[in-house]
């Protein structure tokens, strides 16, 4: 799995029937021992609601609160409003 960064060092290209192949390429010089980063979603991008992003990728960029606290507070990440679904 690639870590998230708003300044990634990789880019992903989806290929094949129905996106069955994902090709990962370096977008910057990567040296031995460097961690690989991908940008799953810009922290400023509001195109994908947070609850959908969380269920697909397991995290939400920019959100650092513990998951248990978000669930206890009924965060819209886990409890979307009707208009967001």
N, C-alpha and C. Protein backbone atom coordinates (compact mmCIF):
# COMPACT_ATOMS: atom_id res chain seq x y z
N UNK A 1 0.84 -1.17 0.00
CA UNK A 1 0.00 0.00 0.00
C UNK A 1 0.90 1.24 0.00
N UNK A 2 0.49 2.22 -0.75
CA UNK A 2 1.22 3.48 -0.80
C UNK A 2 0.64 4.44 0.23
N UNK A 3 1.48 5.18 0.89
CA UNK A 3 1.05 6.18 1.86
C UNK A 3 0.49 7.39 1.12
N UNK A 4 -0.39 8.14 1.78
CA UNK A 4 -0.97 9.34 1.18
C UNK A 4 -0.08 10.55 1.40
N UNK A 5 0.01 11.40 0.37
CA UNK A 5 0.69 12.68 0.49
C UNK A 5 0.09 13.63 -0.53
N UNK A 6 -0.01 14.92 -0.17
CA UNK A 6 -0.45 15.90 -1.16
C UNK A 6 0.68 16.26 -2.11
N UNK A 7 1.89 15.77 -1.84
CA UNK A 7 3.05 15.95 -2.73
C UNK A 7 3.65 14.56 -3.00
N UNK A 8 2.93 13.71 -3.76
CA UNK A 8 3.37 12.32 -3.95
C UNK A 8 4.60 12.21 -4.83
N UNK A 9 5.28 11.06 -4.72
CA UNK A 9 6.42 10.78 -5.60
C UNK A 9 6.09 9.67 -6.60
N UNK A 10 4.81 9.28 -6.67
CA UNK A 10 4.36 8.29 -7.65
C UNK A 10 3.09 8.80 -8.32
N UNK A 11 2.75 8.15 -9.44
CA UNK A 11 1.46 8.39 -10.08
C UNK A 11 0.91 7.03 -10.47
N UNK A 12 -0.39 6.90 -10.42
CA UNK A 12 -1.03 5.63 -10.74
C UNK A 12 -1.83 5.77 -12.03
N UNK A 13 -1.69 4.79 -12.88
CA UNK A 13 -2.45 4.72 -14.12
C UNK A 13 -3.31 3.47 -14.08
N UNK A 14 -4.60 3.62 -14.29
CA UNK A 14 -5.53 2.48 -14.26
C UNK A 14 -5.71 2.01 -15.69
N UNK A 15 -5.52 0.71 -15.89
CA UNK A 15 -5.59 0.12 -17.22
C UNK A 15 -6.44 -1.14 -17.19
N UNK A 16 -6.64 -1.73 -18.33
CA UNK A 16 -7.34 -3.01 -18.42
C UNK A 16 -8.84 -2.86 -18.38
N UNK A 17 -9.51 -3.97 -18.63
CA UNK A 17 -10.97 -3.98 -18.60
C UNK A 17 -11.48 -3.72 -17.20
N UNK A 18 -12.26 -2.68 -17.04
CA UNK A 18 -12.83 -2.35 -15.74
C UNK A 18 -11.80 -1.92 -14.72
N UNK A 19 -10.65 -1.45 -15.18
CA UNK A 19 -9.63 -0.98 -14.24
C UNK A 19 -8.96 -2.10 -13.47
N UNK A 20 -8.78 -3.25 -14.13
CA UNK A 20 -8.23 -4.42 -13.44
C UNK A 20 -6.72 -4.36 -13.24
N UNK A 21 -6.06 -3.40 -13.87
CA UNK A 21 -4.60 -3.26 -13.74
C UNK A 21 -4.27 -1.84 -13.28
N UNK A 22 -3.43 -1.74 -12.26
CA UNK A 22 -2.97 -0.43 -11.80
C UNK A 22 -1.46 -0.40 -11.96
N UNK A 23 -0.98 0.54 -12.76
CA UNK A 23 0.45 0.71 -12.98
C UNK A 23 0.93 1.89 -12.15
N UNK A 24 1.95 1.67 -11.32
CA UNK A 24 2.50 2.72 -10.47
C UNK A 24 3.85 3.13 -11.05
N UNK A 25 4.00 4.43 -11.30
CA UNK A 25 5.25 4.97 -11.84
C UNK A 25 5.79 6.06 -10.93
N UNK A 26 7.09 6.22 -10.95
CA UNK A 26 7.72 7.31 -10.20
C UNK A 26 7.42 8.62 -10.90
N UNK A 27 7.04 9.63 -10.14
CA UNK A 27 6.83 10.96 -10.72
C UNK A 27 7.98 11.90 -10.33
N UNK A 28 8.85 11.41 -9.45
CA UNK A 28 10.04 12.13 -9.01
C UNK A 28 11.15 11.10 -8.86
N UNK A 29 12.36 11.54 -8.67
CA UNK A 29 13.47 10.62 -8.43
C UNK A 29 13.26 9.95 -7.07
N UNK A 30 13.29 8.64 -7.06
CA UNK A 30 13.12 7.86 -5.84
C UNK A 30 14.40 7.05 -5.64
N UNK A 31 14.99 7.21 -4.47
CA UNK A 31 16.22 6.47 -4.19
C UNK A 31 15.92 5.31 -3.24
N UNK A 32 16.84 4.39 -3.15
CA UNK A 32 16.68 3.23 -2.29
C UNK A 32 16.39 3.67 -0.86
N UNK A 33 15.35 3.10 -0.26
CA UNK A 33 14.98 3.42 1.11
C UNK A 33 13.91 4.50 1.22
N UNK A 34 13.63 5.23 0.11
CA UNK A 34 12.57 6.25 0.15
C UNK A 34 11.21 5.58 0.27
N UNK A 35 10.31 6.20 1.01
CA UNK A 35 8.94 5.72 1.10
C UNK A 35 8.18 6.18 -0.13
N UNK A 36 7.24 5.34 -0.59
CA UNK A 36 6.43 5.68 -1.75
C UNK A 36 5.14 6.34 -1.31
N UNK A 37 4.80 7.44 -1.98
CA UNK A 37 3.60 8.19 -1.65
C UNK A 37 2.71 8.35 -2.87
N UNK A 38 1.42 8.30 -2.64
CA UNK A 38 0.40 8.51 -3.67
C UNK A 38 -0.58 9.55 -3.14
N UNK A 39 -1.21 10.27 -4.02
CA UNK A 39 -2.25 11.21 -3.58
C UNK A 39 -3.60 10.59 -3.91
N UNK A 40 -4.26 10.07 -2.89
CA UNK A 40 -5.57 9.44 -3.07
C UNK A 40 -6.63 10.49 -3.30
N UNK A 41 -6.51 11.62 -2.62
CA UNK A 41 -7.45 12.72 -2.76
C UNK A 41 -6.79 13.95 -2.18
N UNK A 42 -6.90 15.05 -2.87
CA UNK A 42 -6.38 16.30 -2.34
C UNK A 42 -7.17 16.67 -1.10
N UNK A 43 -6.51 17.20 -0.11
CA UNK A 43 -7.21 17.59 1.11
C UNK A 43 -8.18 18.74 0.86
N UNK A 44 -8.02 19.44 -0.26
CA UNK A 44 -8.94 20.52 -0.60
C UNK A 44 -10.06 20.04 -1.53
N UNK A 45 -9.97 18.84 -2.04
CA UNK A 45 -10.94 18.31 -3.00
C UNK A 45 -12.19 17.82 -2.28
N UNK A 46 -13.32 18.33 -2.68
CA UNK A 46 -14.58 17.93 -2.04
C UNK A 46 -15.43 17.03 -2.95
N UNK A 47 -14.85 16.48 -4.01
CA UNK A 47 -15.62 15.68 -4.96
C UNK A 47 -16.13 14.37 -4.38
N UNK A 48 -15.38 13.73 -3.52
CA UNK A 48 -15.80 12.47 -2.92
C UNK A 48 -16.11 12.72 -1.45
N UNK A 49 -17.35 12.46 -1.03
CA UNK A 49 -17.66 12.64 0.40
C UNK A 49 -16.73 11.81 1.28
N UNK A 50 -16.40 12.34 2.45
CA UNK A 50 -15.45 11.68 3.34
C UNK A 50 -15.86 10.25 3.69
N UNK A 51 -17.15 9.99 3.93
CA UNK A 51 -17.55 8.63 4.32
C UNK A 51 -17.27 7.63 3.19
N UNK A 52 -17.43 8.03 1.95
CA UNK A 52 -17.11 7.13 0.85
C UNK A 52 -15.60 6.95 0.72
N UNK A 53 -14.85 8.02 0.91
CA UNK A 53 -13.40 7.92 0.85
C UNK A 53 -12.90 6.97 1.93
N UNK A 54 -13.43 7.11 3.15
CA UNK A 54 -13.00 6.25 4.25
C UNK A 54 -13.28 4.78 3.96
N UNK A 55 -14.46 4.48 3.44
CA UNK A 55 -14.79 3.07 3.19
C UNK A 55 -13.97 2.48 2.06
N UNK A 56 -13.47 3.30 1.15
CA UNK A 56 -12.65 2.80 0.05
C UNK A 56 -11.18 2.68 0.41
N UNK A 57 -10.65 3.65 1.17
CA UNK A 57 -9.22 3.71 1.41
C UNK A 57 -8.81 3.52 2.87
N UNK A 58 -9.76 3.55 3.80
CA UNK A 58 -9.46 3.30 5.20
C UNK A 58 -8.94 4.49 5.98
N UNK A 59 -8.94 5.66 5.39
CA UNK A 59 -8.54 6.88 6.08
C UNK A 59 -9.13 8.07 5.33
N UNK A 60 -9.07 9.22 5.95
CA UNK A 60 -9.51 10.45 5.30
C UNK A 60 -8.38 11.45 5.41
N UNK A 61 -7.87 11.96 4.27
CA UNK A 61 -6.78 12.92 4.33
C UNK A 61 -7.12 14.12 5.20
N UNK A 62 -6.19 14.48 6.06
CA UNK A 62 -6.37 15.65 6.91
C UNK A 62 -7.12 15.39 8.21
N UNK A 63 -7.68 14.20 8.38
CA UNK A 63 -8.43 13.88 9.60
C UNK A 63 -7.51 13.07 10.50
N UNK A 64 -7.24 13.59 11.69
CA UNK A 64 -6.29 12.92 12.59
C UNK A 64 -6.95 12.40 13.87
N UNK A 65 -8.23 12.69 14.07
CA UNK A 65 -8.91 12.20 15.28
C UNK A 65 -8.99 10.68 15.26
N UNK A 66 -8.91 10.05 16.43
CA UNK A 66 -9.05 8.59 16.50
C UNK A 66 -10.43 8.15 15.99
N UNK A 67 -10.46 7.03 15.30
CA UNK A 67 -11.69 6.51 14.72
C UNK A 67 -12.77 6.34 15.79
N UNK A 68 -12.41 5.83 16.95
CA UNK A 68 -13.39 5.61 18.03
C UNK A 68 -14.07 6.93 18.43
N UNK A 69 -13.30 8.01 18.46
CA UNK A 69 -13.88 9.32 18.80
C UNK A 69 -14.84 9.80 17.72
N UNK A 70 -14.49 9.58 16.47
CA UNK A 70 -15.36 9.99 15.37
C UNK A 70 -16.67 9.22 15.38
N UNK A 71 -16.60 7.93 15.68
CA UNK A 71 -17.82 7.12 15.75
C UNK A 71 -18.68 7.56 16.93
N UNK A 72 -18.05 7.77 18.08
CA UNK A 72 -18.80 8.19 19.28
C UNK A 72 -19.49 9.53 19.05
N UNK A 73 -18.85 10.41 18.29
CA UNK A 73 -19.42 11.74 18.03
C UNK A 73 -20.38 11.72 16.83
N UNK A 74 -20.59 10.53 16.27
CA UNK A 74 -21.45 10.36 15.10
C UNK A 74 -21.02 11.27 13.95
N UNK A 75 -19.72 11.27 13.70
CA UNK A 75 -19.13 12.07 12.62
C UNK A 75 -19.77 11.70 11.29
N UNK A 76 -19.92 12.70 10.41
CA UNK A 76 -20.50 12.44 9.09
C UNK A 76 -19.59 11.56 8.23
N UNK A 77 -18.37 11.33 8.68
CA UNK A 77 -17.51 10.39 7.96
C UNK A 77 -18.14 8.99 8.00
N UNK A 78 -18.74 8.65 9.14
CA UNK A 78 -19.36 7.35 9.31
C UNK A 78 -20.88 7.39 9.25
N UNK A 79 -21.45 8.55 9.54
CA UNK A 79 -22.90 8.71 9.55
C UNK A 79 -23.28 9.86 8.61
N UNK A 80 -23.26 9.61 7.29
CA UNK A 80 -23.50 10.69 6.33
C UNK A 80 -24.93 11.23 6.42
N UNK A 81 -25.07 12.46 6.07
CA UNK A 81 -26.40 13.05 5.97
C UNK A 81 -27.05 12.53 4.70
N UNK A 82 -28.34 12.50 4.65
CA UNK A 82 -29.07 11.96 3.50
C UNK A 82 -28.61 12.58 2.17
N UNK A 83 -28.39 13.88 2.14
CA UNK A 83 -28.00 14.57 0.90
C UNK A 83 -26.64 14.12 0.40
N UNK A 84 -25.78 13.59 1.28
CA UNK A 84 -24.44 13.17 0.90
C UNK A 84 -24.40 11.79 0.28
N UNK A 85 -25.43 10.98 0.51
CA UNK A 85 -25.44 9.59 0.03
C UNK A 85 -25.79 9.58 -1.40
